[in-house]
Amino acid sequence: MFNPNNMEKMMKQMGMKTDDINAKKIVVDLGDEEMVFEQPELTKISVKGKDMFQLQGEFEKRAKGPSEDDIELVAEKADVSKEEAREALKENSDLTEAIMSLE
């Protein structure tokens, strides 16, 4: 196995530097879904002026969509059900456009 002291010495010789980053939550956007890491371990690795990040931890995959607050607002303003408001927001991500599409 590697001796931690030798490993640090080799990393310095190669111009590598690591920094632990204290993050409370990290969200990775996957298009229609997102990965949400709560209490992740994030390390920044710098090599010859280039930065790389190593992310570790448990995550939850979530479907992206309009927030409940947005759905309630559109439903209230357009006087429609929450389901109708949700569909309008999926088609029109802008709140004003979603409301206008329902009127």
C-alpha atoms as a PDB file:
ATOM      1  CA  MET A   1       0.000   0.000   0.000  1.00  0.00           C
ATOM      2  CA  PHE A   2       0.964   3.630  -0.357  1.00  0.00           C
ATOM      3  CA  ASN A   3       2.353   5.560   2.540  1.00  0.00           C
ATOM      4  CA  PRO A   4       0.163   8.703   2.951  1.00  0.00           C
ATOM      5  CA  ASN A   5       3.255  10.878   3.416  1.00  0.00           C
ATOM      6  CA  ASN A   6       4.828   9.536   0.209  1.00  0.00           C
ATOM      7  CA  MET A   7       1.547  10.040  -1.629  1.00  0.00           C
ATOM      8  CA  GLU A   8       1.395  13.716  -0.570  1.00  0.00           C
ATOM      9  CA  LYS A   9       5.009  14.182  -1.679  1.00  0.00           C
ATOM     10  CA  MET A  10       4.294  12.632  -5.096  1.00  0.00           C
ATOM     11  CA  MET A  11       1.193  14.800  -5.547  1.00  0.00           C
ATOM     12  CA  LYS A  12       3.200  17.946  -4.797  1.00  0.00           C
ATOM     13  CA  GLN A  13       5.878  16.905  -7.277  1.00  0.00           C
ATOM     14  CA  MET A  14       3.191  16.475  -9.964  1.00  0.00           C
ATOM     15  CA  GLY A  15       1.713  19.885  -9.129  1.00  0.00           C
ATOM     16  CA  MET A  16      -1.468  18.435  -7.632  1.00  0.00           C
ATOM     17  CA  LYS A  17      -3.355  20.163  -4.867  1.00  0.00           C
ATOM     18  CA  THR A  18      -6.575  19.063  -3.139  1.00  0.00           C
ATOM     19  CA  ASP A  19      -9.071  21.099  -1.145  1.00  0.00           C
ATOM     20  CA  ASP A  20     -12.138  19.777   0.657  1.00  0.00           C
ATOM     21  CA  ILE A  21     -15.192  21.935   0.020  1.00  0.00           C
ATOM     22  CA  ASN A  22     -17.928  22.214   2.631  1.00  0.00           C
ATOM     23  CA  ALA A  23     -21.210  21.861   0.714  1.00  0.00           C
ATOM     24  CA  LYS A  24     -24.631  21.394   2.293  1.00  0.00           C
ATOM     25  CA  LYS A  25     -26.392  20.269  -0.869  1.00  0.00           C
ATOM     26  CA  ILE A  26     -25.476  19.722  -4.528  1.00  0.00           C
ATOM     27  CA  VAL A  27     -28.020  19.427  -7.349  1.00  0.00           C
ATOM     28  CA  VAL A  28     -26.964  17.934 -10.702  1.00  0.00           C
ATOM     29  CA  ASP A  29     -29.326  18.839 -13.557  1.00  0.00           C
ATOM     30  CA  LEU A  30     -29.950  15.869 -15.877  1.00  0.00           C
ATOM     31  CA  GLY A  31     -32.589  17.500 -18.078  1.00  0.00           C
ATOM     32  CA  ASP A  32     -35.911  15.973 -17.019  1.00  0.00           C
ATOM     33  CA  GLU A  33     -34.435  14.734 -13.746  1.00  0.00           C
ATOM     34  CA  GLU A  34     -31.989  15.928 -11.145  1.00  0.00           C
ATOM     35  CA  MET A  35     -29.670  14.225  -8.690  1.00  0.00           C
ATOM     36  CA  VAL A  36     -29.781  15.790  -5.224  1.00  0.00           C
ATOM     37  CA  PHE A  37     -26.856  15.112  -2.892  1.00  0.00           C
ATOM     38  CA  GLU A  38     -27.533  16.014   0.753  1.00  0.00           C
ATOM     39  CA  GLN A  39     -24.400  16.397   2.914  1.00  0.00           C
ATOM     40  CA  PRO A  40     -22.000  15.498   0.056  1.00  0.00           C
ATOM     41  CA  GLU A  41     -18.244  15.109   0.233  1.00  0.00           C
ATOM     42  CA  LEU A  42     -16.787  17.435  -2.399  1.00  0.00           C
ATOM     43  CA  THR A  43     -13.089  17.684  -3.157  1.00  0.00           C
ATOM     44  CA  LYS A  44     -11.450  20.109  -5.570  1.00  0.00           C
ATOM     45  CA  ILE A  45      -8.367  18.709  -7.277  1.00  0.00           C
ATOM     46  CA  SER A  46      -6.086  21.179  -9.059  1.00  0.00           C
ATOM     47  CA  VAL A  47      -3.516  19.875 -11.545  1.00  0.00           C
ATOM     48  CA  LYS A  48      -1.422  22.227 -13.675  1.00  0.00           C
ATOM     49  CA  GLY A  49      -3.990  25.028 -13.527  1.00  0.00           C
ATOM     50  CA  LYS A  50      -6.974  22.787 -14.285  1.00  0.00           C
ATOM     51  CA  ASP A  51      -9.642  22.113 -11.665  1.00  0.00           C
ATOM     52  CA  MET A  52     -11.493  18.828 -11.272  1.00  0.00           C
ATOM     53  CA  PHE A  53     -14.103  17.957  -8.686  1.00  0.00           C
ATOM     54  CA  GLN A  54     -14.746  14.660  -6.968  1.00  0.00           C
ATOM     55  CA  LEU A  55     -18.265  14.226  -5.573  1.00  0.00           C
ATOM     56  CA  GLN A  56     -19.170  11.445  -3.148  1.00  0.00           C
ATOM     57  CA  GLY A  57     -22.280  10.710  -1.177  1.00  0.00           C
ATOM     58  CA  GLU A  58     -25.770   9.336  -1.327  1.00  0.00           C
ATOM     59  CA  PHE A  59     -28.186  10.988  -3.707  1.00  0.00           C
ATOM     60  CA  GLU A  60     -31.847  10.978  -4.580  1.00  0.00           C
ATOM     61  CA  LYS A  61     -33.000  11.131  -8.183  1.00  0.00           C
ATOM     62  CA  ARG A  62     -35.985  13.429  -8.604  1.00  0.00           C
ATOM     63  CA  ALA A  63     -38.182  14.256 -11.552  1.00  0.00           C
ATOM     64  CA  LYS A  64     -38.010  17.956 -12.309  1.00  0.00           C
ATOM     65  CA  GLY A  65     -41.180  19.900 -12.616  1.00  0.00           C
ATOM     66  CA  PRO A  66     -42.923  23.036 -11.462  1.00  0.00           C
ATOM     67  CA  SER A  67     -42.877  23.838  -7.753  1.00  0.00           C
ATOM     68  CA  GLU A  68     -46.022  23.470  -5.658  1.00  0.00           C
ATOM     69  CA  ASP A  69     -45.999  27.240  -5.026  1.00  0.00           C
ATOM     70  CA  ASP A  70     -46.003  27.939  -8.780  1.00  0.00           C
ATOM     71  CA  ILE A  71     -48.784  25.408  -9.359  1.00  0.00           C
ATOM     72  CA  GLU A  72     -50.945  26.951  -6.640  1.00  0.00           C
ATOM     73  CA  LEU A  73     -50.353  30.468  -7.961  1.00  0.00           C
ATOM     74  CA  VAL A  74     -51.294  29.543 -11.548  1.00  0.00           C
ATOM     75  CA  ALA A  75     -54.341  27.565 -10.365  1.00  0.00           C
ATOM     76  CA  GLU A  76     -55.521  30.502  -8.274  1.00  0.00           C
ATOM     77  CA  LYS A  77     -54.903  33.212 -10.891  1.00  0.00           C
ATOM     78  CA  ALA A  78     -56.424  31.224 -13.786  1.00  0.00           C
ATOM     79  CA  ASP A  79     -59.182  29.716 -11.605  1.00  0.00           C
ATOM     80  CA  VAL A  80     -58.384  26.136 -12.655  1.00  0.00           C
ATOM     81  CA  SER A  81     -57.492  22.864 -10.913  1.00  0.00           C
ATOM     82  CA  LYS A  82     -53.947  22.140  -9.768  1.00  0.00           C
ATOM     83  CA  GLU A  83     -53.649  19.419 -12.435  1.00  0.00           C
ATOM     84  CA  GLU A  84     -54.549  21.908 -15.183  1.00  0.00           C
ATOM     85  CA  ALA A  85     -52.090  24.413 -13.733  1.00  0.00           C
ATOM     86  CA  ARG A  86     -49.328  21.751 -13.580  1.00  0.00           C
ATOM     87  CA  GLU A  87     -49.875  20.838 -17.263  1.00  0.00           C
ATOM     88  CA  ALA A  88     -49.851  24.502 -18.289  1.00  0.00           C
ATOM     89  CA  LEU A  89     -46.555  25.006 -16.426  1.00  0.00           C
ATOM     90  CA  LYS A  90     -45.018  21.971 -18.130  1.00  0.00           C
ATOM     91  CA  GLU A  91     -45.895  23.462 -21.515  1.00  0.00           C
ATOM     92  CA  ASN A  92     -45.011  27.060 -20.559  1.00  0.00           C
ATOM     93  CA  SER A  93     -42.265  27.361 -17.950  1.00  0.00           C
ATOM     94  CA  ASP A  94     -43.015  31.082 -17.580  1.00  0.00           C
ATOM     95  CA  LEU A  95     -45.736  31.766 -14.986  1.00  0.00           C
ATOM     96  CA  THR A  96     -47.391  34.564 -16.966  1.00  0.00           C
ATOM     97  CA  GLU A  97     -47.506  32.489 -20.156  1.00  0.00           C
ATOM     98  CA  ALA A  98     -48.951  29.521 -18.249  1.00  0.00           C
ATOM     99  CA  ILE A  99     -51.715  31.704 -16.780  1.00  0.00           C
ATOM    100  CA  MET A 100     -52.483  33.323 -20.129  1.00  0.00           C
ATOM    101  CA  SER A 101     -52.681  29.908 -21.845  1.00  0.00           C
ATOM    102  CA  LEU A 102     -55.444  28.908 -19.432  1.00  0.00           C
ATOM    103  CA  GLU A 103     -57.576  32.025 -19.852  1.00  0.00           C
END
